[in-house]
Structure formats: C-alpha cells, structure tokens
Amino acid sequence: SPGNHELADGGGRVAAAEAAGKTIEEAIGKLWDKCEKYQNKLNSNYLQHLSNYLLVTFFKHYHLYQFVLCEVREVDQTIHELEVHVPQEVPPLKNGTDVELWNYQQQLAKLSEAEAQLRNDMSVFREARLLKNEQEMNKFYMDLRFQNKEIIEKTEK
C-alpha cells in the first residue's frame, strides 16, 4: 500500500518533503502523526527503530536540510581559464645540453651582450667627445680669427 511504501523507504524522503518550511517542532509532530497512523499496520519495533533513526539522522541536521533544500540561493560561480601550450614535438634527450654547459652558455651570452652594450656606449661617448672637441676647436679658431683681425686693424691705423 502507499502508506507502507512511505515508511519502507526509510521515511527520509517523505519526512524531508513534508517538513519543508516547517519548524522542527512541527516536523516532529508530523512524524508522530505518521507513526500513530501506521502503528496498527507495522511492527512496533520497526516503528520505534524508524523513529529513532529519523531523530538521530534527519532531525539532528534539520536546519541544514531546511537551508539546503528549501532556501533559494544565488549561484556564485567563479570560472578560471588556463591556456596551456604544448610543444609540437618534444626533441630527443640525446640532443639536449648538459645543465652546467647550458648555464655557462647563458652566462657567456649575458657577458657578450654586456660587452656589446659597453662597446656601443663607448662609441657614442667617442662621437660625442669628437663633436665637442670640434665645436671647441671651431670656437678657438673663430676667437683667433677675431683677435688677428683686431691686430691687423690696429697695425693699419
């Protein structure tokens, strides 16, 4: 019968569905009503075990069930995407470079880069110095020409 099936499945689903939105006192009262309704149809020992089971499991976490099953909650979802690039073909290990040699090559590359930068800086410095020397020489010759002009004009007078 439908009534026996309600209790035969452990009563948990029915108890949870009928307890939705009710206080714990109302839900326990509903359980006792069901027990009284089926006490003539079921073994009293089975009914006692079922009641104890529901009290120890379902009603122990009653407020949690109410929150999870009856409350409407906003879904808070965070999605992270990670793009992974896999090499097309992994080269064979026999073509690999020893770690110490690789470290040495990296150091050598850094030193070579630093040396090239230093050479470039020195070249720029030389060009700037040559330009400055040229400007100073032009100024010196202009001053000298001006002094020569003054001397020539004084001697002609």
Protein backbone atom coordinates (compact mmCIF):
# COMPACT_ATOMS: atom_id res chain seq x y z
CA SER A 1 0.00 0.00 0.00
CA PRO A 2 1.15 3.61 -0.47
CA GLY A 3 1.36 4.13 3.29
CA ASN A 4 3.69 1.17 3.78
CA HIS A 5 5.88 2.38 0.93
CA GLU A 6 6.24 5.78 2.62
CA LEU A 7 7.74 4.18 5.70
CA ALA A 8 9.53 1.38 3.87
CA ASP A 9 11.85 3.77 2.05
CA GLY A 10 13.17 4.92 5.42
CA GLY A 11 10.74 7.79 5.69
CA GLY A 12 13.55 10.21 4.85
CA ARG A 13 12.29 11.49 1.52
CA VAL A 14 8.74 11.80 2.76
CA ALA A 15 9.85 13.44 6.00
CA ALA A 16 12.03 15.93 4.11
CA ALA A 17 9.29 16.76 1.62
CA GLU A 18 6.59 17.20 4.26
CA ALA A 19 8.88 19.15 6.62
CA ALA A 20 9.71 21.81 4.03
CA GLY A 21 9.27 25.25 5.55
CA LYS A 22 8.12 23.92 8.96
CA THR A 23 9.72 24.41 12.35
CA ILE A 24 11.46 21.42 13.92
CA GLU A 25 8.61 21.06 16.42
CA GLU A 26 6.05 20.95 13.60
CA ALA A 27 8.15 18.38 11.71
CA ILE A 28 8.50 16.12 14.79
CA GLY A 29 4.75 16.45 15.37
CA LYS A 30 4.19 15.37 11.74
CA LEU A 31 6.46 12.34 12.36
CA TRP A 32 4.47 11.31 15.45
CA ASP A 33 1.22 11.69 13.50
CA LYS A 34 2.58 9.34 10.83
CA CYS A 35 3.72 6.86 13.49
CA GLU A 36 0.27 6.85 15.08
CA LYS A 37 -1.36 6.45 11.67
CA TYR A 38 0.73 3.33 10.85
CA GLN A 39 1.15 1.82 14.33
CA ASN A 40 -1.55 -0.81 13.65
CA LYS A 41 -0.11 -1.73 10.22
CA LEU A 42 3.59 -2.01 11.18
CA ASN A 43 5.57 -3.86 13.77
CA SER A 44 6.02 -1.56 16.79
CA ASN A 45 9.71 -2.50 16.98
CA TYR A 46 10.18 -1.41 13.34
CA LEU A 47 8.29 1.82 14.03
CA GLN A 48 10.45 2.51 17.10
CA HIS A 49 13.68 1.94 15.13
CA LEU A 50 12.45 4.13 12.28
CA SER A 51 11.55 6.96 14.67
CA ASN A 52 14.90 6.71 16.43
CA TYR A 53 16.70 6.67 13.09
CA LEU A 54 14.92 9.83 11.92
CA LEU A 55 15.59 11.59 15.23
CA VAL A 56 19.29 10.68 15.18
CA THR A 57 19.90 11.48 11.48
CA PHE A 58 17.32 13.74 9.86
CA PHE A 59 16.32 15.86 12.84
CA LYS A 60 19.90 16.18 14.07
CA HIS A 61 20.65 18.22 10.94
CA TYR A 62 17.13 19.53 10.39
CA HIS A 63 18.11 23.20 9.97
CA LEU A 64 20.80 22.25 7.46
CA TYR A 65 18.27 20.29 5.39
CA GLN A 66 15.88 23.22 5.55
CA PHE A 67 18.54 25.60 4.33
CA VAL A 68 19.84 23.35 1.55
CA LEU A 69 16.50 22.07 0.28
CA CYS A 70 14.12 24.97 0.90
CA GLU A 71 16.11 28.20 0.60
CA VAL A 72 16.55 29.83 -2.80
CA ARG A 73 20.19 30.78 -3.13
CA GLU A 74 22.04 32.83 -5.69
CA VAL A 75 24.60 30.81 -7.59
CA ASP A 76 28.06 32.24 -7.02
CA GLN A 77 30.34 30.70 -9.59
CA THR A 78 33.91 31.62 -10.41
CA ILE A 79 35.45 30.37 -13.63
CA HIS A 80 39.15 30.47 -14.34
CA GLU A 81 40.50 29.68 -17.76
CA LEU A 82 44.04 28.48 -18.25
CA GLU A 83 45.56 28.26 -21.67
CA VAL A 84 48.20 25.55 -21.92
CA HIS A 85 50.61 25.49 -24.83
CA VAL A 86 52.03 22.08 -25.58
CA PRO A 87 55.16 21.85 -27.73
CA GLN A 88 54.55 20.46 -31.20
CA GLU A 89 57.20 17.79 -30.91
CA VAL A 90 59.48 17.08 -27.99
CA PRO A 91 63.10 16.85 -29.16
CA PRO A 92 65.01 13.70 -28.20
CA LEU A 93 67.01 13.84 -24.99
CA LYS A 94 70.22 12.87 -26.80
CA ASN A 95 70.11 16.31 -28.48
CA GLY A 96 69.83 18.01 -25.08
CA THR A 97 72.50 20.19 -23.45
CA ASP A 98 74.12 19.44 -20.11
CA VAL A 99 72.89 21.77 -17.35
CA GLU A 100 76.36 23.06 -16.48
CA LEU A 101 77.14 23.74 -20.16
CA TRP A 102 73.79 25.46 -20.63
CA ASN A 103 74.40 27.67 -17.56
CA TYR A 104 77.87 28.54 -18.92
CA GLN A 105 76.38 29.39 -22.31
CA GLN A 106 73.78 31.62 -20.65
CA GLN A 107 76.50 33.41 -18.66
CA LEU A 108 78.60 33.83 -21.80
CA ALA A 109 75.60 35.24 -23.69
CA LYS A 110 74.94 37.77 -20.89
CA LEU A 111 78.61 38.81 -20.84
CA SER A 112 78.68 39.14 -24.64
CA GLU A 113 75.54 41.28 -24.50
CA ALA A 114 77.05 43.45 -21.76
CA GLU A 115 80.28 43.80 -23.77
CA ALA A 116 78.36 44.81 -26.90
CA GLN A 117 76.41 47.39 -24.88
CA LEU A 118 79.66 48.74 -23.41
CA ARG A 119 81.24 48.99 -26.88
CA ASN A 120 78.16 50.82 -28.13
CA ASP A 121 78.25 53.21 -25.16
CA MET A 122 81.96 53.88 -25.77
CA SER A 123 81.30 54.57 -29.44
CA VAL A 124 78.54 57.03 -28.56
CA PHE A 125 80.83 58.66 -25.99
CA ARG A 126 83.67 58.98 -28.54
CA GLU A 127 81.34 60.54 -31.11
CA ALA A 128 80.01 62.99 -28.54
CA ARG A 129 83.55 63.84 -27.42
CA LEU A 130 84.73 64.34 -31.02
CA LEU A 131 81.78 66.62 -31.71
CA LYS A 132 82.51 68.63 -28.58
CA ASN A 133 86.22 68.88 -29.48
CA GLU A 134 85.30 70.00 -32.98
CA GLN A 135 82.99 72.68 -31.59
CA GLU A 136 85.71 73.86 -29.16
CA MET A 137 88.27 73.99 -31.99
CA ASN A 138 85.86 75.99 -34.18
CA LYS A 139 85.29 78.41 -31.34
CA PHE A 140 89.03 78.69 -30.74
CA TYR A 141 89.69 79.42 -34.44
CA MET A 142 86.85 81.96 -34.51
CA ASP A 143 88.33 83.69 -31.47
CA LEU A 144 91.78 83.56 -33.03
CA ARG A 145 90.50 84.98 -36.31
CA PHE A 146 88.77 87.77 -34.40
CA GLN A 147 92.00 88.56 -32.49
CA ASN A 148 94.00 88.53 -35.74
CA LYS A 149 91.51 90.90 -37.31
CA GLU A 150 91.86 93.30 -34.36
CA ILE A 151 95.66 93.17 -34.57
CA ILE A 152 95.63 93.82 -38.31
CA GLU A 153 93.24 96.73 -37.92
CA LYS A 154 95.44 98.27 -35.20
CA THR A 155 98.56 97.97 -37.28
CA GLU A 156 96.92 99.54 -40.28
CA LYS A 157 95.86 102.61 -38.39
